[in-house]
Amino acid sequence: MRLPLQRLFTLAFCFLISPFALAQSVPARFVLVGDSTVAPVNGWGPGFCALLTNGATCINLARNGRSSSSFRAEGLWNGVLEKLRNRDEAARTWVLIQFGHNDQPGKPGRSTDLETEFPANMRRYVEEVKAAGANPVLVTPLTRRSFLNGKAENDLDRWADATRKVASKEHVPVLELNADSLAAVQAMGPVEANTLAMTAPPPSIAATAASGNSAPAPKTPADPGSPVFDYTHLGPKGSALFGRMVATELSRAVPATASFFR
């Protein structure tokens, strides 16, 4: 039976556009890699993931206590690469990578040399994400929230600068979380900045904060089983604040991602 000419054109048109339509229907993926300031429960990752929309998915593979070296040495990076390779080929995947906190001196088994090892590690992550067919995005490390005489201290600025340099050399986006989070914490002051932690500060720390300074954080929780107050990890309020900050930075740096955020 011969089909009408108009119907033949319709079928041909549908056949031509169907692969494109299918590719557009596959949601984007955002994979998070880093330390505890990114990880589930105590990092900005949950706040970031909560903002995704339009079918985009979020996979938070960051782990507490890891550096740019130990994340790979422990085999965690192999798990990331496996997920990147075993994907729908039509999916767009962005991998956000942030290290620095545990690369600093004094972290046995984790510290890296800032001039040589840390940049080499970050460069290798970028190269391997590209090789896996995904899009790497470097993130400068989230600031800590400690103050001295009313000024927020930034002891991660050199790691942030090293991250920027790698991004520039590798021609990949870099999100200025370190600078943005430092500015936000400075504007808050120590009393309000303490509300971003996993739990309320002990009375002695709250009193010191009112004077513009940050007293040493306790080593153990006030109540057994409860979180320990510190100036690094994030509770829900902090995660929401900095997760939004990362999403905003990403939308600006990579406009193709903007439609995936609320």
C-alpha atoms as a PDB file:
ATOM      1  CA  MET A   1       0.000   0.000   0.000  1.00  0.00           C
ATOM      2  CA  ARG A   2       1.376   3.402  -0.963  1.00  0.00           C
ATOM      3  CA  LEU A   3       1.432   6.086   1.751  1.00  0.00           C
ATOM      4  CA  PRO A   4       0.296   9.648   0.983  1.00  0.00           C
ATOM      5  CA  LEU A   5       3.205  11.970   0.261  1.00  0.00           C
ATOM      6  CA  GLN A   6       2.371  14.240   3.224  1.00  0.00           C
ATOM      7  CA  ARG A   7       2.493  11.304   5.644  1.00  0.00           C
ATOM      8  CA  LEU A   8       5.851  10.181   4.264  1.00  0.00           C
ATOM      9  CA  PHE A   9       7.288  13.651   4.913  1.00  0.00           C
ATOM     10  CA  THR A  10       5.892  13.589   8.474  1.00  0.00           C
ATOM     11  CA  LEU A  11       7.434  10.200   9.236  1.00  0.00           C
ATOM     12  CA  ALA A  12      10.789  11.258   7.792  1.00  0.00           C
ATOM     13  CA  PHE A  13      10.788  14.447   9.860  1.00  0.00           C
ATOM     14  CA  CYS A  14      10.019  12.551  13.069  1.00  0.00           C
ATOM     15  CA  PHE A  15      12.792  10.073  12.319  1.00  0.00           C
ATOM     16  CA  LEU A  16      15.315  12.866  11.847  1.00  0.00           C
ATOM     17  CA  ILE A  17      14.483  14.800  15.004  1.00  0.00           C
ATOM     18  CA  SER A  18      13.880  11.867  17.356  1.00  0.00           C
ATOM     19  CA  PRO A  19      17.566  11.382  18.353  1.00  0.00           C
ATOM     20  CA  PHE A  20      17.831  15.103  19.107  1.00  0.00           C
ATOM     21  CA  ALA A  21      14.627  15.081  21.144  1.00  0.00           C
ATOM     22  CA  LEU A  22      15.820  12.013  23.048  1.00  0.00           C
ATOM     23  CA  ALA A  23      19.132  13.676  23.869  1.00  0.00           C
ATOM     24  CA  GLN A  24      17.340  16.742  25.153  1.00  0.00           C
ATOM     25  CA  SER A  25      15.128  14.623  27.409  1.00  0.00           C
ATOM     26  CA  VAL A  26      18.095  13.123  29.294  1.00  0.00           C
ATOM     27  CA  PRO A  27      18.645  15.100  32.509  1.00  0.00           C
ATOM     28  CA  ALA A  28      21.966  16.697  33.338  1.00  0.00           C
ATOM     29  CA  ARG A  29      24.084  15.293  36.130  1.00  0.00           C
ATOM     30  CA  PHE A  30      26.198  17.126  38.675  1.00  0.00           C
ATOM     31  CA  VAL A  31      28.862  15.099  40.451  1.00  0.00           C
ATOM     32  CA  LEU A  32      30.489  16.577  43.578  1.00  0.00           C
ATOM     33  CA  VAL A  33      34.026  15.617  44.577  1.00  0.00           C
ATOM     34  CA  GLY A  34      35.900  16.938  47.590  1.00  0.00           C
ATOM     35  CA  ASP A  35      36.268  16.922  51.359  1.00  0.00           C
ATOM     36  CA  SER A  36      33.917  17.375  54.324  1.00  0.00           C
ATOM     37  CA  THR A  37      33.054  20.957  53.361  1.00  0.00           C
ATOM     38  CA  VAL A  38      31.359  19.500  50.260  1.00  0.00           C
ATOM     39  CA  ALA A  39      30.181  16.141  51.616  1.00  0.00           C
ATOM     40  CA  PRO A  40      26.690  15.001  52.648  1.00  0.00           C
ATOM     41  CA  VAL A  41      25.547  15.946  56.176  1.00  0.00           C
ATOM     42  CA  ASN A  42      28.218  18.594  56.923  1.00  0.00           C
ATOM     43  CA  GLY A  43      29.114  20.354  53.644  1.00  0.00           C
ATOM     44  CA  TRP A  44      27.563  22.672  51.054  1.00  0.00           C
ATOM     45  CA  GLY A  45      26.713  19.720  48.811  1.00  0.00           C
ATOM     46  CA  PRO A  46      23.225  19.058  50.237  1.00  0.00           C
ATOM     47  CA  GLY A  47      22.258  22.724  49.855  1.00  0.00           C
ATOM     48  CA  PHE A  48      23.504  22.702  46.263  1.00  0.00           C
ATOM     49  CA  CYS A  49      21.736  19.465  45.340  1.00  0.00           C
ATOM     50  CA  ALA A  50      18.441  20.715  46.801  1.00  0.00           C
ATOM     51  CA  LEU A  51      18.372  23.507  44.207  1.00  0.00           C
ATOM     52  CA  LEU A  52      18.365  21.256  41.147  1.00  0.00           C
ATOM     53  CA  THR A  53      15.306  21.139  38.938  1.00  0.00           C
ATOM     54  CA  ASN A  54      14.181  20.191  35.418  1.00  0.00           C
ATOM     55  CA  GLY A  55      15.162  16.561  35.939  1.00  0.00           C
ATOM     56  CA  ALA A  56      18.814  17.217  36.805  1.00  0.00           C
ATOM     57  CA  THR A  57      20.390  14.803  39.270  1.00  0.00           C
ATOM     58  CA  CYS A  58      23.112  15.251  41.874  1.00  0.00           C
ATOM     59  CA  ILE A  59      25.659  12.666  43.010  1.00  0.00           C
ATOM     60  CA  ASN A  60      27.636  13.771  46.059  1.00  0.00           C
ATOM     61  CA  LEU A  61      30.781  11.623  46.246  1.00  0.00           C
ATOM     62  CA  ALA A  62      32.752  13.979  48.509  1.00  0.00           C
ATOM     63  CA  ARG A  63      34.096  12.384  51.688  1.00  0.00           C
ATOM     64  CA  ASN A  64      35.095  13.753  55.082  1.00  0.00           C
ATOM     65  CA  GLY A  65      38.786  14.140  55.800  1.00  0.00           C
ATOM     66  CA  ARG A  66      40.085  13.646  52.270  1.00  0.00           C
ATOM     67  CA  SER A  67      42.710  15.644  50.433  1.00  0.00           C
ATOM     68  CA  SER A  68      43.535  15.860  46.739  1.00  0.00           C
ATOM     69  CA  SER A  69      45.974  13.008  47.366  1.00  0.00           C
ATOM     70  CA  SER A  70      44.124  10.675  49.755  1.00  0.00           C
ATOM     71  CA  PHE A  71      40.870  10.824  47.753  1.00  0.00           C
ATOM     72  CA  ARG A  72      42.700   9.103  44.920  1.00  0.00           C
ATOM     73  CA  ALA A  73      44.952   6.901  47.074  1.00  0.00           C
ATOM     74  CA  GLU A  74      41.955   5.359  48.836  1.00  0.00           C
ATOM     75  CA  GLY A  75      40.298   4.419  45.550  1.00  0.00           C
ATOM     76  CA  LEU A  76      37.477   6.938  45.860  1.00  0.00           C
ATOM     77  CA  TRP A  77      38.378   8.579  42.552  1.00  0.00           C
ATOM     78  CA  ASN A  78      38.066   5.248  40.763  1.00  0.00           C
ATOM     79  CA  GLY A  79      34.435   5.178  41.872  1.00  0.00           C
ATOM     80  CA  VAL A  80      33.899   8.628  40.372  1.00  0.00           C
ATOM     81  CA  LEU A  81      35.407   7.599  37.037  1.00  0.00           C
ATOM     82  CA  GLU A  82      33.271   4.471  36.947  1.00  0.00           C
ATOM     83  CA  LYS A  83      30.127   6.566  37.272  1.00  0.00           C
ATOM     84  CA  LEU A  84      31.315   8.955  34.576  1.00  0.00           C
ATOM     85  CA  ARG A  85      32.066   6.168  32.133  1.00  0.00           C
ATOM     86  CA  ASN A  86      28.897   4.189  32.823  1.00  0.00           C
ATOM     87  CA  ARG A  87      26.480   6.917  31.796  1.00  0.00           C
ATOM     88  CA  ASP A  88      23.889   7.560  29.151  1.00  0.00           C
ATOM     89  CA  GLU A  89      25.925   9.028  26.312  1.00  0.00           C
ATOM     90  CA  ALA A  90      23.347  11.770  25.787  1.00  0.00           C
ATOM     91  CA  ALA A  91      23.610  13.025  29.350  1.00  0.00           C
ATOM     92  CA  ARG A  92      25.536  16.195  30.143  1.00  0.00           C
ATOM     93  CA  THR A  93      27.664  15.789  33.246  1.00  0.00           C
ATOM     94  CA  TRP A  94      29.516  18.435  35.217  1.00  0.00           C
ATOM     95  CA  VAL A  95      32.015  17.395  37.893  1.00  0.00           C
ATOM     96  CA  LEU A  96      32.670  19.982  40.613  1.00  0.00           C
ATOM     97  CA  ILE A  97      36.007  19.404  42.373  1.00  0.00           C
ATOM     98  CA  GLN A  98      37.092  21.157  45.579  1.00  0.00           C
ATOM     99  CA  PHE A  99      40.094  20.320  47.766  1.00  0.00           C
ATOM    100  CA  GLY A 100      42.465  22.241  50.018  1.00  0.00           C
ATOM    101  CA  HIS A 101      41.357  21.856  53.640  1.00  0.00           C
ATOM    102  CA  ASN A 102      43.131  18.559  54.209  1.00  0.00           C
ATOM    103  CA  ASP A 103      45.992  19.323  51.841  1.00  0.00           C
ATOM    104  CA  GLN A 104      47.307  21.826  54.369  1.00  0.00           C
ATOM    105  CA  PRO A 105      50.318  20.963  56.561  1.00  0.00           C
ATOM    106  CA  GLY A 106      49.720  18.986  59.742  1.00  0.00           C
ATOM    107  CA  LYS A 107      47.354  16.400  58.244  1.00  0.00           C
ATOM    108  CA  PRO A 108      49.308  13.106  58.421  1.00  0.00           C
ATOM    109  CA  GLY A 109      48.829  10.923  55.375  1.00  0.00           C
ATOM    110  CA  ARG A 110      46.887  13.654  53.600  1.00  0.00           C
ATOM    111  CA  SER A 111      49.022  16.803  53.355  1.00  0.00           C
ATOM    112  CA  THR A 112      50.368  17.727  49.930  1.00  0.00           C
ATOM    113  CA  ASP A 113      53.047  20.118  48.775  1.00  0.00           C
ATOM    114  CA  LEU A 114      51.347  23.330  47.707  1.00  0.00           C
ATOM    115  CA  GLU A 115      53.850  24.211  44.999  1.00  0.00           C
ATOM    116  CA  THR A 116      54.070  20.841  43.267  1.00  0.00           C
ATOM    117  CA  GLU A 117      51.807  18.013  44.444  1.00  0.00           C
ATOM    118  CA  PHE A 118      48.529  19.877  44.971  1.00  0.00           C
ATOM    119  CA  PRO A 119      48.474  21.542  41.516  1.00  0.00           C
ATOM    120  CA  ALA A 120      49.515  18.275  39.853  1.00  0.00           C
ATOM    121  CA  ASN A 121      46.692  16.430  41.611  1.00  0.00           C
ATOM    122  CA  MET A 122      44.094  19.005  40.573  1.00  0.00           C
ATOM    123  CA  ARG A 123      45.376  19.007  36.986  1.00  0.00           C
ATOM    124  CA  ARG A 124      45.148  15.221  36.814  1.00  0.00           C
ATOM    125  CA  TYR A 125      41.540  15.286  38.033  1.00  0.00           C
ATOM    126  CA  VAL A 126      40.667  17.765  35.303  1.00  0.00           C
ATOM    127  CA  GLU A 127      42.370  15.728  32.589  1.00  0.00           C
ATOM    128  CA  GLU A 128      40.671  12.491  33.625  1.00  0.00           C
ATOM    129  CA  VAL A 129      37.209  14.066  33.807  1.00  0.00           C
ATOM    130  CA  LYS A 130      37.674  15.364  30.274  1.00  0.00           C
ATOM    131  CA  ALA A 131      38.897  11.959  29.105  1.00  0.00           C
ATOM    132  CA  ALA A 132      35.755  10.376  30.578  1.00  0.00           C
ATOM    133  CA  GLY A 133      33.578  12.683  28.475  1.00  0.00           C
ATOM    134  CA  ALA A 134      32.400  14.944  31.302  1.00  0.00           C
ATOM    135  CA  ASN A 135      32.918  18.626  32.098  1.00  0.00           C
ATOM    136  CA  PRO A 136      35.285  19.514  34.978  1.00  0.00           C
ATOM    137  CA  VAL A 137      34.676  22.586  37.138  1.00  0.00           C
ATOM    138  CA  LEU A 138      37.178  23.553  39.837  1.00  0.00           C
ATOM    139  CA  VAL A 139      35.966  25.158  43.065  1.00  0.00           C
ATOM    140  CA  THR A 140      38.213  27.183  45.370  1.00  0.00           C
ATOM    141  CA  PRO A 141      37.987  25.925  48.984  1.00  0.00           C
ATOM    142  CA  LEU A 142      35.219  27.141  51.262  1.00  0.00           C
ATOM    143  CA  THR A 143      36.510  29.555  53.899  1.00  0.00           C
ATOM    144  CA  ARG A 144      36.649  28.719  57.579  1.00  0.00           C
ATOM    145  CA  ARG A 145      34.700  31.024  59.889  1.00  0.00           C
ATOM    146  CA  SER A 146      37.233  32.078  62.519  1.00  0.00           C
ATOM    147  CA  PHE A 147      37.807  35.739  63.421  1.00  0.00           C
ATOM    148  CA  LEU A 148      40.577  37.806  64.943  1.00  0.00           C
ATOM    149  CA  ASN A 149      39.725  41.326  66.077  1.00  0.00           C
ATOM    150  CA  GLY A 150      36.622  41.383  63.928  1.00  0.00           C
ATOM    151  CA  LYS A 151      38.353  40.178  60.743  1.00  0.00           C
ATOM    152  CA  ALA A 152      37.614  36.805  59.179  1.00  0.00           C
ATOM    153  CA  GLU A 153      40.833  34.835  58.770  1.00  0.00           C
ATOM    154  CA  ASN A 154      41.480  33.136  55.451  1.00  0.00           C
ATOM    155  CA  ASP A 155      44.139  30.459  55.807  1.00  0.00           C
ATOM    156  CA  LEU A 156      43.072  28.813  52.535  1.00  0.00           C
ATOM    157  CA  ASP A 157      43.872  31.676  50.181  1.00  0.00           C
ATOM    158  CA  ARG A 158      47.021  30.045  48.799  1.00  0.00           C
ATOM    159  CA  TRP A 159      45.148  26.839  47.968  1.00  0.00           C
ATOM    160  CA  ALA A 160      42.445  28.925  46.336  1.00  0.00           C
ATOM    161  CA  ASP A 161      45.088  30.689  44.242  1.00  0.00           C
ATOM    162  CA  ALA A 162      46.657  27.370  43.226  1.00  0.00           C
ATOM    163  CA  THR A 163      43.223  26.133  42.141  1.00  0.00           C
ATOM    164  CA  ARG A 164      42.677  29.248  40.028  1.00  0.00           C
ATOM    165  CA  LYS A 165      46.021  28.778  38.291  1.00  0.00           C
ATOM    166  CA  VAL A 166      45.250  25.172  37.386  1.00  0.00           C
ATOM    167  CA  ALA A 167      41.847  26.196  36.009  1.00  0.00           C
ATOM    168  CA  SER A 168      43.468  28.904  33.906  1.00  0.00           C
ATOM    169  CA  LYS A 169      46.122  26.589  32.478  1.00  0.00           C
ATOM    170  CA  GLU A 170      43.625  23.831  31.749  1.00  0.00           C
ATOM    171  CA  HIS A 171      40.994  26.241  30.346  1.00  0.00           C
ATOM    172  CA  VAL A 172      38.209  25.049  32.644  1.00  0.00           C
ATOM    173  CA  PRO A 173      35.734  27.058  34.750  1.00  0.00           C
ATOM    174  CA  VAL A 174      36.649  27.957  38.326  1.00  0.00           C
ATOM    175  CA  LEU A 175      34.110  28.954  40.979  1.00  0.00           C
ATOM    176  CA  GLU A 176      35.324  31.591  43.429  1.00  0.00           C
ATOM    177  CA  LEU A 177      33.777  30.017  46.524  1.00  0.00           C
ATOM    178  CA  ASN A 178      36.717  30.988  48.717  1.00  0.00           C
ATOM    179  CA  ALA A 179      36.438  34.706  47.973  1.00  0.00           C
ATOM    180  CA  ASP A 180      32.632  34.726  48.009  1.00  0.00           C
ATOM    181  CA  SER A 181      32.298  32.770  51.242  1.00  0.00           C
ATOM    182  CA  LEU A 182      34.970  34.896  52.936  1.00  0.00           C
ATOM    183  CA  ALA A 183      33.116  38.083  51.995  1.00  0.00           C
ATOM    184  CA  ALA A 184      29.828  36.651  53.253  1.00  0.00           C
ATOM    185  CA  VAL A 185      31.320  35.518  56.567  1.00  0.00           C
ATOM    186  CA  GLN A 186      33.047  38.874  57.045  1.00  0.00           C
ATOM    187  CA  ALA A 187      29.774  40.715  56.467  1.00  0.00           C
ATOM    188  CA  MET A 188      28.020  38.516  59.047  1.00  0.00           C
ATOM    189  CA  GLY A 189      30.566  38.903  61.804  1.00  0.00           C
ATOM    190  CA  PRO A 190      31.498  36.121  64.229  1.00  0.00           C
ATOM    191  CA  VAL A 191      28.191  35.916  66.096  1.00  0.00           C
ATOM    192  CA  GLU A 192      26.029  35.336  63.025  1.00  0.00           C
ATOM    193  CA  ALA A 193      28.699  33.256  61.283  1.00  0.00           C
ATOM    194  CA  ASN A 194      28.561  30.811  64.197  1.00  0.00           C
ATOM    195  CA  THR A 195      24.931  30.042  63.291  1.00  0.00           C
ATOM    196  CA  LEU A 196      26.175  28.325  60.112  1.00  0.00           C
ATOM    197  CA  ALA A 197      27.802  25.526  62.112  1.00  0.00           C
ATOM    198  CA  MET A 198      26.376  22.068  62.722  1.00  0.00           C
ATOM    199  CA  THR A 199      25.367  22.976  66.263  1.00  0.00           C
ATOM    200  CA  ALA A 200      25.127  26.068  68.473  1.00  0.00           C
ATOM    201  CA  PRO A 201      28.404  27.277  70.006  1.00  0.00           C
ATOM    202  CA  PRO A 202      29.075  26.684  73.715  1.00  0.00           C
ATOM    203  CA  PRO A 203      28.403  29.732  75.922  1.00  0.00           C
ATOM    204  CA  SER A 204      32.102  30.571  76.262  1.00  0.00           C
ATOM    205  CA  ILE A 205      32.569  30.654  72.480  1.00  0.00           C
ATOM    206  CA  ALA A 206      29.391  32.709  72.043  1.00  0.00           C
ATOM    207  CA  ALA A 207      30.705  35.259  74.563  1.00  0.00           C
ATOM    208  CA  THR A 208      34.061  35.510  72.818  1.00  0.00           C
ATOM    209  CA  ALA A 209      32.365  35.933  69.430  1.00  0.00           C
ATOM    210  CA  ALA A 210      30.552  38.994  70.734  1.00  0.00           C
ATOM    211  CA  SER A 211      33.964  40.619  71.205  1.00  0.00           C
ATOM    212  CA  GLY A 212      34.885  39.997  67.546  1.00  0.00           C
ATOM    213  CA  ASN A 213      37.066  36.954  68.124  1.00  0.00           C
ATOM    214  CA  SER A 214      36.831  33.185  67.772  1.00  0.00           C
ATOM    215  CA  ALA A 215      37.850  31.063  70.738  1.00  0.00           C
ATOM    216  CA  PRO A 216      39.323  27.607  70.093  1.00  0.00           C
ATOM    217  CA  ALA A 217      36.610  25.115  69.177  1.00  0.00           C
ATOM    218  CA  PRO A 218      35.944  22.250  71.613  1.00  0.00           C
ATOM    219  CA  LYS A 219      37.352  18.808  70.839  1.00  0.00           C
ATOM    220  CA  THR A 220      34.316  16.895  72.092  1.00  0.00           C
ATOM    221  CA  PRO A 221      30.555  17.608  71.915  1.00  0.00           C
ATOM    222  CA  ALA A 222      28.710  19.112  74.845  1.00  0.00           C
ATOM    223  CA  ASP A 223      26.302  16.148  74.774  1.00  0.00           C
ATOM    224  CA  PRO A 224      27.384  12.618  73.792  1.00  0.00           C
ATOM    225  CA  GLY A 225      26.240  11.765  70.290  1.00  0.00           C
ATOM    226  CA  SER A 226      25.626  15.370  69.261  1.00  0.00           C
ATOM    227  CA  PRO A 227      27.708  17.283  66.666  1.00  0.00           C
ATOM    228  CA  VAL A 228      30.814  19.143  67.763  1.00  0.00           C
ATOM    229  CA  PHE A 229      30.790  22.890  67.170  1.00  0.00           C
ATOM    230  CA  ASP A 230      33.568  24.071  64.855  1.00  0.00           C
ATOM    231  CA  TYR A 231      34.371  26.816  62.362  1.00  0.00           C
ATOM    232  CA  THR A 232      34.580  24.587  59.300  1.00  0.00           C
ATOM    233  CA  HIS A 233      31.625  22.233  58.918  1.00  0.00           C
ATOM    234  CA  LEU A 234      28.106  23.302  58.029  1.00  0.00           C
ATOM    235  CA  GLY A 235      24.649  22.748  59.427  1.00  0.00           C
ATOM    236  CA  PRO A 236      21.481  23.120  57.310  1.00  0.00           C
ATOM    237  CA  LYS A 237      21.636  26.929  57.327  1.00  0.00           C
ATOM    238  CA  GLY A 238      25.265  27.005  56.206  1.00  0.00           C
ATOM    239  CA  SER A 239      24.720  24.310  53.598  1.00  0.00           C
ATOM    240  CA  ALA A 240      21.794  26.220  52.104  1.00  0.00           C
ATOM    241  CA  LEU A 241      23.747  29.495  52.047  1.00  0.00           C
ATOM    242  CA  PHE A 242      26.907  28.179  50.439  1.00  0.00           C
ATOM    243  CA  GLY A 243      25.095  25.646  48.255  1.00  0.00           C
ATOM    244  CA  ARG A 244      23.196  28.566  46.726  1.00  0.00           C
ATOM    245  CA  MET A 245      26.474  30.450  46.368  1.00  0.00           C
ATOM    246  CA  VAL A 246      28.017  27.594  44.383  1.00  0.00           C
ATOM    247  CA  ALA A 247      24.911  27.260  42.189  1.00  0.00           C
ATOM    248  CA  THR A 248      24.961  31.001  41.454  1.00  0.00           C
ATOM    249  CA  GLU A 249      28.675  30.937  40.619  1.00  0.00           C
ATOM    250  CA  LEU A 250      28.203  27.892  38.382  1.00  0.00           C
ATOM    251  CA  SER A 251      25.276  29.453  36.523  1.00  0.00           C
ATOM    252  CA  ARG A 252      27.427  32.489  35.749  1.00  0.00           C
ATOM    253  CA  ALA A 253      30.573  30.571  34.829  1.00  0.00           C
ATOM    254  CA  VAL A 254      28.731  27.931  32.781  1.00  0.00           C
ATOM    255  CA  PRO A 255      25.480  29.479  31.451  1.00  0.00           C
ATOM    256  CA  ALA A 256      24.367  26.097  30.084  1.00  0.00           C
ATOM    257  CA  THR A 257      23.760  24.957  33.672  1.00  0.00           C
ATOM    258  CA  ALA A 258      21.550  27.879  34.711  1.00  0.00           C
ATOM    259  CA  SER A 259      18.241  26.255  33.710  1.00  0.00           C
ATOM    260  CA  PHE A 260      18.876  23.369  36.083  1.00  0.00           C
ATOM    261  CA  PHE A 261      18.650  25.476  39.253  1.00  0.00           C
ATOM    262  CA  ARG A 262      15.606  26.799  41.042  1.00  0.00           C
END
